[in-house]
Amino acid sequence: MVLVLGLIDADLGGGVVKKRIGLAGRGKRGGARTLVATNKGDRWFFVFGFEKNERTNITDDELGALQDIAAQLLARTGRQLDEAVKDGSLEEICDDDKNQD
């Protein structure tokens, strides 16, 4: 399971998970937080991020909005995602090292 592998620090429900990211000189505890919409399989969408020194957490209203966004993203077909990347409404981030022979 993904939680065991350390990819997720907290499951916030509704397809939204949190991952702590360490920053130089601050480590994970004082670093950044990223919120990702995911099906915990083949779909991972970065939806929000913040530095811990800027804010401690997100509000319940923000979480609800992110869960709505997650539901919309996760409901899209592969073709719809390809079209969104093509028209610029989504940006695909690839690990170039994985694509090398």
N, C-alpha and C. Protein backbone atom coordinates (compact mmCIF):
# COMPACT_ATOMS: atom_id res chain seq x y z
N MET A 1 0.84 -1.20 0.00
CA MET A 1 0.00 0.00 0.00
C MET A 1 0.87 1.24 0.00
N VAL A 2 0.38 2.31 -0.61
CA VAL A 2 1.14 3.54 -0.77
C VAL A 2 1.50 4.15 0.58
N LEU A 3 0.60 4.12 1.56
CA LEU A 3 0.92 4.68 2.87
C LEU A 3 2.16 4.05 3.46
N VAL A 4 2.32 2.76 3.29
CA VAL A 4 3.46 2.04 3.82
C VAL A 4 4.75 2.50 3.16
N LEU A 5 4.68 2.84 1.90
CA LEU A 5 5.86 3.28 1.17
C LEU A 5 6.28 4.70 1.51
N GLY A 6 5.50 5.40 2.31
CA GLY A 6 5.86 6.75 2.71
C GLY A 6 5.50 7.84 1.72
N LEU A 7 4.70 7.53 0.73
CA LEU A 7 4.32 8.53 -0.25
C LEU A 7 3.22 9.45 0.26
N ILE A 8 2.49 9.01 1.28
CA ILE A 8 1.38 9.79 1.81
C ILE A 8 1.59 9.96 3.32
N ASP A 9 1.48 11.20 3.79
CA ASP A 9 1.57 11.44 5.22
C ASP A 9 0.20 11.46 5.89
N ALA A 10 -0.83 11.86 5.15
CA ALA A 10 -2.18 11.87 5.71
C ALA A 10 -3.21 11.77 4.58
N ASP A 11 -4.20 10.93 4.78
CA ASP A 11 -5.32 10.83 3.86
C ASP A 11 -6.41 11.73 4.41
N LEU A 12 -6.71 12.81 3.68
CA LEU A 12 -7.68 13.80 4.13
C LEU A 12 -9.10 13.49 3.67
N GLY A 13 -9.26 12.39 2.93
CA GLY A 13 -10.57 11.99 2.46
C GLY A 13 -10.94 12.64 1.15
N GLY A 14 -11.91 12.05 0.48
CA GLY A 14 -12.41 12.61 -0.77
C GLY A 14 -11.38 12.66 -1.88
N GLY A 15 -10.41 11.76 -1.83
CA GLY A 15 -9.39 11.73 -2.87
C GLY A 15 -8.25 12.71 -2.67
N VAL A 16 -8.15 13.32 -1.49
CA VAL A 16 -7.09 14.29 -1.21
C VAL A 16 -6.15 13.72 -0.16
N VAL A 17 -4.85 13.77 -0.46
CA VAL A 17 -3.83 13.33 0.49
C VAL A 17 -2.81 14.43 0.69
N LYS A 18 -2.10 14.35 1.85
CA LYS A 18 -1.09 15.34 2.18
C LYS A 18 0.27 14.68 2.25
N LYS A 19 1.27 15.37 1.73
CA LYS A 19 2.65 14.91 1.81
C LYS A 19 3.51 16.06 2.33
N ARG A 20 4.30 15.76 3.37
CA ARG A 20 5.23 16.74 3.90
C ARG A 20 6.51 16.70 3.06
N ILE A 21 7.03 17.86 2.73
CA ILE A 21 8.24 17.98 1.93
C ILE A 21 9.28 18.75 2.74
N GLY A 22 10.45 18.18 2.91
CA GLY A 22 11.52 18.85 3.62
C GLY A 22 12.14 19.96 2.78
N LEU A 23 12.48 21.04 3.44
CA LEU A 23 13.17 22.15 2.79
C LEU A 23 14.55 22.30 3.43
N ALA A 24 15.50 22.75 2.67
CA ALA A 24 16.87 22.90 3.16
C ALA A 24 16.90 23.70 4.46
N GLY A 25 17.52 23.12 5.47
CA GLY A 25 17.68 23.80 6.75
C GLY A 25 16.47 23.72 7.66
N ARG A 26 15.35 23.20 7.16
CA ARG A 26 14.13 23.13 7.96
C ARG A 26 13.58 21.72 8.11
N GLY A 27 14.01 20.80 7.26
CA GLY A 27 13.50 19.44 7.33
C GLY A 27 12.03 19.37 6.98
N LYS A 28 11.43 18.20 7.20
CA LYS A 28 10.01 18.01 6.88
C LYS A 28 9.09 18.74 7.83
N ARG A 29 9.44 18.75 9.11
CA ARG A 29 8.55 19.34 10.11
C ARG A 29 8.30 20.83 9.85
N GLY A 30 9.32 21.55 9.45
CA GLY A 30 9.17 22.98 9.18
C GLY A 30 9.13 23.31 7.71
N GLY A 31 9.02 22.31 6.86
CA GLY A 31 9.08 22.49 5.42
C GLY A 31 7.77 22.87 4.78
N ALA A 32 7.45 22.19 3.70
CA ALA A 32 6.25 22.51 2.92
C ALA A 32 5.26 21.36 2.99
N ARG A 33 4.03 21.66 2.64
CA ARG A 33 2.97 20.66 2.56
C ARG A 33 2.43 20.69 1.14
N THR A 34 2.24 19.52 0.57
CA THR A 34 1.60 19.44 -0.74
C THR A 34 0.32 18.64 -0.60
N LEU A 35 -0.71 19.08 -1.27
CA LEU A 35 -1.99 18.38 -1.27
C LEU A 35 -2.21 17.86 -2.69
N VAL A 36 -2.53 16.58 -2.77
CA VAL A 36 -2.61 15.89 -4.04
C VAL A 36 -3.96 15.20 -4.15
N ALA A 37 -4.57 15.32 -5.32
CA ALA A 37 -5.78 14.55 -5.63
C ALA A 37 -5.31 13.24 -6.23
N THR A 38 -5.80 12.13 -5.71
CA THR A 38 -5.32 10.84 -6.20
C THR A 38 -6.34 9.72 -6.02
N ASN A 39 -6.23 8.75 -6.89
CA ASN A 39 -6.97 7.51 -6.72
C ASN A 39 -6.05 6.47 -6.07
N LYS A 40 -4.84 6.89 -5.68
CA LYS A 40 -3.80 6.06 -5.06
C LYS A 40 -3.34 4.94 -5.99
N GLY A 41 -3.54 5.14 -7.25
CA GLY A 41 -3.12 4.17 -8.27
C GLY A 41 -2.33 4.88 -9.34
N ASP A 42 -2.99 5.12 -10.47
CA ASP A 42 -2.30 5.71 -11.61
C ASP A 42 -2.60 7.19 -11.83
N ARG A 43 -3.33 7.79 -10.91
CA ARG A 43 -3.67 9.22 -11.08
C ARG A 43 -3.26 10.02 -9.86
N TRP A 44 -2.40 11.00 -10.10
CA TRP A 44 -1.88 11.88 -9.05
C TRP A 44 -1.86 13.30 -9.60
N PHE A 45 -2.60 14.21 -8.95
CA PHE A 45 -2.69 15.60 -9.39
C PHE A 45 -2.28 16.51 -8.24
N PHE A 46 -1.24 17.31 -8.44
CA PHE A 46 -0.89 18.33 -7.46
C PHE A 46 -1.98 19.39 -7.51
N VAL A 47 -2.59 19.70 -6.34
CA VAL A 47 -3.66 20.70 -6.34
C VAL A 47 -3.37 21.91 -5.46
N PHE A 48 -2.47 21.77 -4.47
CA PHE A 48 -2.18 22.91 -3.61
C PHE A 48 -0.91 22.64 -2.80
N GLY A 49 -0.19 23.70 -2.51
CA GLY A 49 0.99 23.56 -1.68
C GLY A 49 1.23 24.83 -0.88
N PHE A 50 1.86 24.66 0.27
CA PHE A 50 2.18 25.83 1.09
C PHE A 50 3.35 25.50 2.01
N GLU A 51 4.07 26.55 2.38
CA GLU A 51 5.15 26.38 3.35
C GLU A 51 4.56 26.45 4.75
N LYS A 52 5.06 25.60 5.62
CA LYS A 52 4.55 25.51 6.99
C LYS A 52 4.70 26.83 7.73
N ASN A 53 5.73 27.62 7.41
CA ASN A 53 5.91 28.90 8.09
C ASN A 53 4.93 29.98 7.60
N GLU A 54 4.23 29.71 6.50
CA GLU A 54 3.24 30.66 5.97
C GLU A 54 1.85 30.43 6.56
N ARG A 55 1.55 29.17 6.85
CA ARG A 55 0.26 28.81 7.42
C ARG A 55 0.39 27.44 8.04
N THR A 56 -0.45 27.14 9.02
CA THR A 56 -0.33 25.86 9.70
C THR A 56 -1.10 24.74 9.00
N ASN A 57 -2.20 25.11 8.35
CA ASN A 57 -3.02 24.08 7.71
C ASN A 57 -4.00 24.76 6.77
N ILE A 58 -4.88 23.98 6.17
CA ILE A 58 -5.96 24.53 5.35
C ILE A 58 -7.24 24.52 6.18
N THR A 59 -8.18 25.34 5.77
CA THR A 59 -9.46 25.40 6.47
C THR A 59 -10.38 24.27 6.00
N ASP A 60 -11.43 24.03 6.73
CA ASP A 60 -12.42 23.03 6.33
C ASP A 60 -13.05 23.38 4.99
N ASP A 61 -13.30 24.68 4.77
CA ASP A 61 -13.87 25.11 3.48
C ASP A 61 -12.90 24.85 2.34
N GLU A 62 -11.60 25.11 2.57
CA GLU A 62 -10.60 24.83 1.54
C GLU A 62 -10.51 23.34 1.25
N LEU A 63 -10.56 22.52 2.30
CA LEU A 63 -10.53 21.08 2.10
C LEU A 63 -11.74 20.64 1.27
N GLY A 64 -12.90 21.15 1.58
CA GLY A 64 -14.10 20.81 0.80
C GLY A 64 -13.94 21.18 -0.67
N ALA A 65 -13.38 22.36 -0.93
CA ALA A 65 -13.16 22.79 -2.31
C ALA A 65 -12.15 21.88 -3.00
N LEU A 66 -11.09 21.50 -2.30
CA LEU A 66 -10.08 20.61 -2.88
C LEU A 66 -10.65 19.22 -3.14
N GLN A 67 -11.54 18.76 -2.27
CA GLN A 67 -12.20 17.47 -2.49
C GLN A 67 -13.11 17.53 -3.72
N ASP A 68 -13.76 18.66 -3.94
CA ASP A 68 -14.58 18.84 -5.14
C ASP A 68 -13.70 18.80 -6.39
N ILE A 69 -12.56 19.50 -6.33
CA ILE A 69 -11.61 19.51 -7.46
C ILE A 69 -11.10 18.09 -7.71
N ALA A 70 -10.77 17.38 -6.62
CA ALA A 70 -10.28 16.00 -6.75
C ALA A 70 -11.31 15.13 -7.45
N ALA A 71 -12.56 15.25 -7.06
CA ALA A 71 -13.62 14.44 -7.68
C ALA A 71 -13.72 14.73 -9.17
N GLN A 72 -13.62 16.00 -9.53
CA GLN A 72 -13.71 16.38 -10.95
C GLN A 72 -12.51 15.84 -11.74
N LEU A 73 -11.31 15.98 -11.18
CA LEU A 73 -10.12 15.49 -11.88
C LEU A 73 -10.13 13.98 -12.03
N LEU A 74 -10.48 13.29 -10.96
CA LEU A 74 -10.44 11.83 -10.97
C LEU A 74 -11.54 11.22 -11.82
N ALA A 75 -12.58 11.98 -12.11
CA ALA A 75 -13.68 11.48 -12.95
C ALA A 75 -13.38 11.62 -14.44
N ARG A 76 -12.35 12.37 -14.79
CA ARG A 76 -12.04 12.58 -16.21
C ARG A 76 -11.48 11.31 -16.85
N THR A 77 -11.83 11.15 -18.10
CA THR A 77 -11.28 10.04 -18.88
C THR A 77 -9.86 10.40 -19.31
N GLY A 78 -9.13 9.40 -19.76
CA GLY A 78 -7.78 9.65 -20.28
C GLY A 78 -7.80 10.66 -21.42
N ARG A 79 -8.79 10.54 -22.28
CA ARG A 79 -8.91 11.48 -23.41
C ARG A 79 -9.16 12.91 -22.92
N GLN A 80 -10.03 13.06 -21.93
CA GLN A 80 -10.30 14.39 -21.38
C GLN A 80 -9.04 14.98 -20.74
N LEU A 81 -8.26 14.15 -20.07
CA LEU A 81 -7.02 14.63 -19.48
C LEU A 81 -6.03 15.06 -20.56
N ASP A 82 -5.93 14.26 -21.62
CA ASP A 82 -5.04 14.61 -22.74
C ASP A 82 -5.45 15.95 -23.35
N GLU A 83 -6.75 16.16 -23.52
CA GLU A 83 -7.25 17.42 -24.08
C GLU A 83 -6.94 18.60 -23.15
N ALA A 84 -7.08 18.38 -21.82
CA ALA A 84 -6.79 19.45 -20.87
C ALA A 84 -5.31 19.82 -20.88
N VAL A 85 -4.45 18.85 -21.05
CA VAL A 85 -3.02 19.13 -21.17
C VAL A 85 -2.76 19.89 -22.46
N LYS A 86 -3.40 19.46 -23.53
CA LYS A 86 -3.20 20.10 -24.84
C LYS A 86 -3.67 21.56 -24.82
N ASP A 87 -4.80 21.84 -24.17
CA ASP A 87 -5.30 23.22 -24.16
C ASP A 87 -4.70 24.07 -23.04
N GLY A 88 -3.86 23.45 -22.21
CA GLY A 88 -3.14 24.21 -21.18
C GLY A 88 -3.86 24.34 -19.85
N SER A 89 -5.05 23.75 -19.71
CA SER A 89 -5.75 23.87 -18.43
C SER A 89 -5.17 22.94 -17.37
N LEU A 90 -4.42 21.92 -17.80
CA LEU A 90 -3.64 21.06 -16.90
C LEU A 90 -2.23 20.98 -17.45
N GLU A 91 -1.27 20.81 -16.56
CA GLU A 91 0.12 20.64 -16.98
C GLU A 91 0.61 19.28 -16.50
N GLU A 92 1.14 18.51 -17.41
CA GLU A 92 1.68 17.21 -17.05
C GLU A 92 3.14 17.38 -16.62
N ILE A 93 3.46 16.77 -15.50
CA ILE A 93 4.83 16.81 -14.99
C ILE A 93 5.37 15.39 -15.06
N CYS A 94 6.44 15.23 -15.80
CA CYS A 94 7.00 13.89 -16.01
C CYS A 94 8.38 13.80 -15.38
N ASP A 95 8.73 12.60 -14.98
CA ASP A 95 10.07 12.31 -14.49
C ASP A 95 10.87 11.88 -15.70
N ASP A 96 11.71 12.78 -16.22
CA ASP A 96 12.47 12.49 -17.43
C ASP A 96 13.36 11.27 -17.28
N ASP A 97 13.84 10.99 -16.08
CA ASP A 97 14.71 9.83 -15.87
C ASP A 97 13.97 8.52 -16.18
N LYS A 98 12.67 8.48 -15.92
CA LYS A 98 11.90 7.27 -16.19
C LYS A 98 11.71 7.03 -17.67
N ASN A 99 11.79 8.08 -18.48
CA ASN A 99 11.52 7.97 -19.90
C ASN A 99 12.78 7.70 -20.72
N GLN A 100 13.92 7.60 -20.08
CA GLN A 100 15.16 7.35 -20.81
C GLN A 100 15.39 5.86 -20.96
N ASP A 101 15.96 5.46 -22.11
CA ASP A 101 16.26 4.05 -22.35
C ASP A 101 17.54 3.65 -21.68
